[in-house]
């Protein structure tokens, strides 16, 4: 893991867009998390990752991870519950 970034404005924009897209009857893990934990408790983190295997180096910038804040949950690690990841 080379970098983890949190941008509150980007996170809120992506959350709202995700929730709007699924409001018409679709579903997603992120939308479900928003419904379960509340919009203010779900965040998007952008990650940069490098993998050095053998003679090949590869990097992945902007890989996204979604987490929900719920410190009382048995599923939480340090208060955060992993929801999903990807672009």
N, C-alpha and C. Protein backbone atom coordinates (compact mmCIF):
# COMPACT_ATOMS: atom_id res chain seq x y z
N UNK A 1 0.86 -1.16 0.00
CA UNK A 1 0.00 0.00 0.00
C UNK A 1 0.91 1.22 0.00
N UNK A 2 0.80 2.00 -1.05
CA UNK A 2 1.64 3.19 -1.17
C UNK A 2 0.98 4.43 -0.58
N UNK A 3 -0.33 4.52 -0.72
CA UNK A 3 -1.03 5.71 -0.22
C UNK A 3 -2.51 5.38 -0.03
N UNK A 4 -3.09 6.00 0.99
CA UNK A 4 -4.53 5.95 1.23
C UNK A 4 -4.97 7.40 1.39
N UNK A 5 -6.00 7.78 0.62
CA UNK A 5 -6.47 9.16 0.67
C UNK A 5 -7.97 9.20 0.95
N UNK A 6 -8.33 10.20 1.75
CA UNK A 6 -9.75 10.47 1.98
C UNK A 6 -10.02 11.90 1.55
N UNK A 7 -10.95 12.05 0.63
CA UNK A 7 -11.39 13.36 0.16
C UNK A 7 -12.88 13.44 0.48
N UNK A 8 -13.24 14.23 1.47
CA UNK A 8 -14.62 14.30 1.94
C UNK A 8 -15.60 14.66 0.83
N UNK A 9 -15.23 15.61 -0.01
CA UNK A 9 -16.12 16.03 -1.09
C UNK A 9 -16.32 14.90 -2.11
N UNK A 10 -15.23 14.26 -2.49
CA UNK A 10 -15.33 13.16 -3.46
C UNK A 10 -16.13 12.00 -2.87
N UNK A 11 -15.86 11.67 -1.61
CA UNK A 11 -16.58 10.60 -0.95
C UNK A 11 -18.08 10.88 -0.94
N UNK A 12 -18.47 12.09 -0.56
CA UNK A 12 -19.90 12.45 -0.51
C UNK A 12 -20.53 12.41 -1.90
N UNK A 13 -19.80 12.87 -2.91
CA UNK A 13 -20.32 12.85 -4.28
C UNK A 13 -20.54 11.42 -4.76
N UNK A 14 -19.56 10.55 -4.53
CA UNK A 14 -19.69 9.15 -4.95
C UNK A 14 -20.80 8.44 -4.18
N UNK A 15 -20.93 8.73 -2.89
CA UNK A 15 -21.99 8.12 -2.09
C UNK A 15 -23.37 8.53 -2.61
N UNK A 16 -23.54 9.81 -2.86
CA UNK A 16 -24.84 10.30 -3.34
C UNK A 16 -25.17 9.69 -4.70
N UNK A 17 -24.18 9.63 -5.58
CA UNK A 17 -24.41 9.06 -6.91
C UNK A 17 -24.77 7.58 -6.81
N UNK A 18 -24.07 6.85 -5.98
CA UNK A 18 -24.34 5.43 -5.79
C UNK A 18 -25.75 5.21 -5.27
N UNK A 19 -26.14 6.01 -4.30
CA UNK A 19 -27.46 5.87 -3.70
C UNK A 19 -28.56 6.26 -4.69
N UNK A 20 -28.33 7.30 -5.47
CA UNK A 20 -29.31 7.73 -6.47
C UNK A 20 -29.53 6.67 -7.54
N UNK A 21 -28.46 6.06 -8.01
CA UNK A 21 -28.55 5.04 -9.06
C UNK A 21 -29.38 3.85 -8.60
N UNK A 22 -29.25 3.49 -7.34
CA UNK A 22 -29.96 2.31 -6.84
C UNK A 22 -31.35 2.65 -6.29
N UNK A 23 -31.69 3.92 -6.19
CA UNK A 23 -32.99 4.32 -5.65
C UNK A 23 -34.15 3.84 -6.51
N UNK A 24 -33.90 3.58 -7.77
CA UNK A 24 -34.98 3.15 -8.67
C UNK A 24 -35.23 1.65 -8.63
N UNK A 25 -34.72 0.98 -7.63
CA UNK A 25 -35.01 -0.43 -7.48
C UNK A 25 -33.81 -1.34 -7.56
N UNK A 26 -32.68 -0.82 -8.00
CA UNK A 26 -31.46 -1.63 -8.04
C UNK A 26 -30.88 -1.76 -6.64
N UNK A 27 -29.79 -2.47 -6.55
CA UNK A 27 -29.14 -2.59 -5.25
C UNK A 27 -27.64 -2.68 -5.43
N UNK A 28 -26.93 -2.34 -4.41
CA UNK A 28 -25.48 -2.48 -4.37
C UNK A 28 -25.06 -2.56 -2.91
N UNK A 29 -23.87 -3.06 -2.67
CA UNK A 29 -23.38 -3.16 -1.30
C UNK A 29 -23.22 -1.77 -0.68
N UNK A 30 -22.84 -0.79 -1.48
CA UNK A 30 -22.66 0.56 -0.96
C UNK A 30 -23.99 1.18 -0.59
N UNK A 31 -24.98 1.05 -1.46
CA UNK A 31 -26.31 1.58 -1.17
C UNK A 31 -26.92 0.90 0.06
N UNK A 32 -26.72 -0.40 0.17
CA UNK A 32 -27.21 -1.13 1.34
C UNK A 32 -26.54 -0.62 2.60
N UNK A 33 -25.23 -0.35 2.53
CA UNK A 33 -24.50 0.18 3.69
C UNK A 33 -25.02 1.57 4.07
N UNK A 34 -25.31 2.40 3.07
CA UNK A 34 -25.86 3.73 3.35
C UNK A 34 -27.20 3.60 4.07
N UNK A 35 -28.05 2.69 3.60
CA UNK A 35 -29.35 2.46 4.25
C UNK A 35 -29.17 1.94 5.67
N UNK A 36 -28.20 1.06 5.87
CA UNK A 36 -28.01 0.43 7.18
C UNK A 36 -27.29 1.33 8.18
N UNK A 37 -26.25 2.04 7.74
CA UNK A 37 -25.40 2.80 8.67
C UNK A 37 -25.57 4.31 8.57
N UNK A 38 -26.25 4.78 7.52
CA UNK A 38 -26.44 6.21 7.33
C UNK A 38 -25.37 6.81 6.44
N UNK A 39 -25.77 7.78 5.64
CA UNK A 39 -24.87 8.42 4.68
C UNK A 39 -23.62 9.00 5.36
N UNK A 40 -23.79 9.55 6.57
CA UNK A 40 -22.66 10.17 7.27
C UNK A 40 -21.67 9.16 7.83
N UNK A 41 -22.00 7.89 7.81
CA UNK A 41 -21.13 6.87 8.39
C UNK A 41 -20.49 5.95 7.36
N UNK A 42 -20.64 6.26 6.08
CA UNK A 42 -20.01 5.47 5.02
C UNK A 42 -19.02 6.37 4.29
N UNK A 43 -17.81 5.86 4.06
CA UNK A 43 -16.79 6.65 3.38
C UNK A 43 -16.15 5.86 2.24
N UNK A 44 -15.56 6.61 1.33
CA UNK A 44 -14.79 6.07 0.21
C UNK A 44 -13.34 6.48 0.40
N UNK A 45 -12.43 5.52 0.35
CA UNK A 45 -11.00 5.79 0.42
C UNK A 45 -10.37 5.42 -0.92
N UNK A 46 -9.48 6.24 -1.40
CA UNK A 46 -8.75 5.97 -2.64
C UNK A 46 -7.36 5.46 -2.26
N UNK A 47 -6.96 4.34 -2.86
CA UNK A 47 -5.70 3.68 -2.52
C UNK A 47 -4.79 3.57 -3.73
N UNK A 48 -3.50 3.73 -3.50
CA UNK A 48 -2.48 3.45 -4.52
C UNK A 48 -1.69 2.24 -4.03
N UNK A 49 -1.54 1.26 -4.90
CA UNK A 49 -0.92 -0.01 -4.52
C UNK A 49 0.18 -0.35 -5.51
N UNK A 50 1.33 -0.81 -5.02
CA UNK A 50 2.39 -1.35 -5.87
C UNK A 50 2.60 -2.80 -5.52
N UNK A 51 2.81 -3.60 -6.54
CA UNK A 51 3.08 -5.02 -6.34
C UNK A 51 4.41 -5.33 -7.01
N UNK A 52 5.34 -5.81 -6.24
CA UNK A 52 6.65 -6.17 -6.77
C UNK A 52 6.80 -7.69 -6.67
N UNK A 53 6.54 -8.35 -7.77
CA UNK A 53 6.63 -9.82 -7.80
C UNK A 53 7.63 -10.22 -8.87
N UNK A 54 8.68 -10.91 -8.48
CA UNK A 54 9.69 -11.30 -9.44
C UNK A 54 10.34 -10.08 -10.06
N UNK A 55 10.45 -10.08 -11.37
CA UNK A 55 11.08 -8.95 -12.05
C UNK A 55 10.06 -7.92 -12.51
N UNK A 56 8.79 -8.16 -12.24
CA UNK A 56 7.72 -7.27 -12.68
C UNK A 56 7.28 -6.34 -11.54
N UNK A 57 7.19 -5.08 -11.86
CA UNK A 57 6.61 -4.11 -10.93
C UNK A 57 5.32 -3.61 -11.54
N UNK A 58 4.28 -3.58 -10.77
CA UNK A 58 3.03 -3.01 -11.26
C UNK A 58 2.43 -2.12 -10.19
N UNK A 59 1.70 -1.13 -10.62
CA UNK A 59 1.04 -0.25 -9.66
C UNK A 59 -0.39 -0.02 -10.09
N UNK A 60 -1.21 0.23 -9.12
CA UNK A 60 -2.63 0.47 -9.32
C UNK A 60 -2.97 1.73 -8.54
N UNK A 61 -3.36 2.78 -9.23
CA UNK A 61 -3.71 4.04 -8.57
C UNK A 61 -5.22 4.21 -8.55
N UNK A 62 -5.72 4.70 -7.45
CA UNK A 62 -7.13 5.04 -7.36
C UNK A 62 -8.07 3.88 -7.07
N UNK A 63 -7.53 2.76 -6.61
CA UNK A 63 -8.38 1.64 -6.21
C UNK A 63 -9.21 2.11 -5.03
N UNK A 64 -10.51 1.90 -5.08
CA UNK A 64 -11.39 2.42 -4.05
C UNK A 64 -11.80 1.38 -3.03
N UNK A 65 -11.89 1.80 -1.80
CA UNK A 65 -12.39 0.96 -0.70
C UNK A 65 -13.50 1.70 0.01
N UNK A 66 -14.56 1.00 0.32
CA UNK A 66 -15.72 1.57 1.02
C UNK A 66 -15.80 0.98 2.42
N UNK A 67 -15.98 1.85 3.41
CA UNK A 67 -16.09 1.43 4.81
C UNK A 67 -17.26 2.13 5.48
N UNK A 68 -17.81 1.47 6.49
CA UNK A 68 -18.87 2.07 7.32
C UNK A 68 -18.38 2.14 8.76
N UNK A 69 -18.68 3.24 9.42
CA UNK A 69 -18.31 3.43 10.82
C UNK A 69 -19.42 2.87 11.70
N UNK A 70 -19.10 1.87 12.50
CA UNK A 70 -20.05 1.28 13.44
C UNK A 70 -19.25 0.58 14.53
N UNK A 71 -18.70 1.35 15.49
CA UNK A 71 -17.81 0.77 16.49
C UNK A 71 -18.45 -0.28 17.38
N UNK A 72 -19.77 -0.32 17.45
CA UNK A 72 -20.44 -1.31 18.29
C UNK A 72 -20.65 -2.66 17.63
N UNK A 73 -20.35 -2.76 16.35
CA UNK A 73 -20.58 -3.99 15.61
C UNK A 73 -19.46 -5.01 15.86
N UNK A 74 -19.86 -6.26 15.97
CA UNK A 74 -18.88 -7.34 16.11
C UNK A 74 -18.06 -7.50 14.83
N UNK A 75 -18.57 -7.02 13.71
CA UNK A 75 -17.86 -7.11 12.43
C UNK A 75 -16.80 -6.01 12.27
N UNK A 76 -16.84 -5.01 13.12
CA UNK A 76 -15.96 -3.85 12.96
C UNK A 76 -14.54 -4.14 13.46
N UNK A 77 -13.59 -3.59 12.72
CA UNK A 77 -12.20 -3.58 13.16
C UNK A 77 -11.82 -2.14 13.39
N UNK A 78 -11.46 -1.82 14.63
CA UNK A 78 -11.15 -0.44 15.02
C UNK A 78 -12.31 0.49 14.67
N UNK A 79 -13.54 -0.03 14.74
CA UNK A 79 -14.74 0.77 14.51
C UNK A 79 -15.24 0.75 13.08
N UNK A 80 -14.43 0.26 12.14
CA UNK A 80 -14.79 0.30 10.72
C UNK A 80 -15.18 -1.07 10.19
N UNK A 81 -16.23 -1.09 9.37
CA UNK A 81 -16.69 -2.32 8.71
C UNK A 81 -16.38 -2.19 7.22
N UNK A 82 -15.66 -3.16 6.68
CA UNK A 82 -15.36 -3.17 5.25
C UNK A 82 -16.65 -3.46 4.49
N UNK A 83 -16.93 -2.67 3.45
CA UNK A 83 -18.14 -2.84 2.64
C UNK A 83 -17.81 -3.43 1.28
N UNK A 84 -16.91 -2.79 0.55
CA UNK A 84 -16.63 -3.23 -0.83
C UNK A 84 -15.37 -2.52 -1.32
N UNK A 85 -14.89 -2.95 -2.48
CA UNK A 85 -13.75 -2.27 -3.09
C UNK A 85 -13.80 -2.41 -4.60
N UNK A 86 -13.07 -1.57 -5.28
CA UNK A 86 -13.01 -1.60 -6.73
C UNK A 86 -12.96 -0.21 -7.30
N UNK A 87 -13.08 -0.12 -8.62
CA UNK A 87 -13.08 1.19 -9.28
C UNK A 87 -14.48 1.70 -9.38
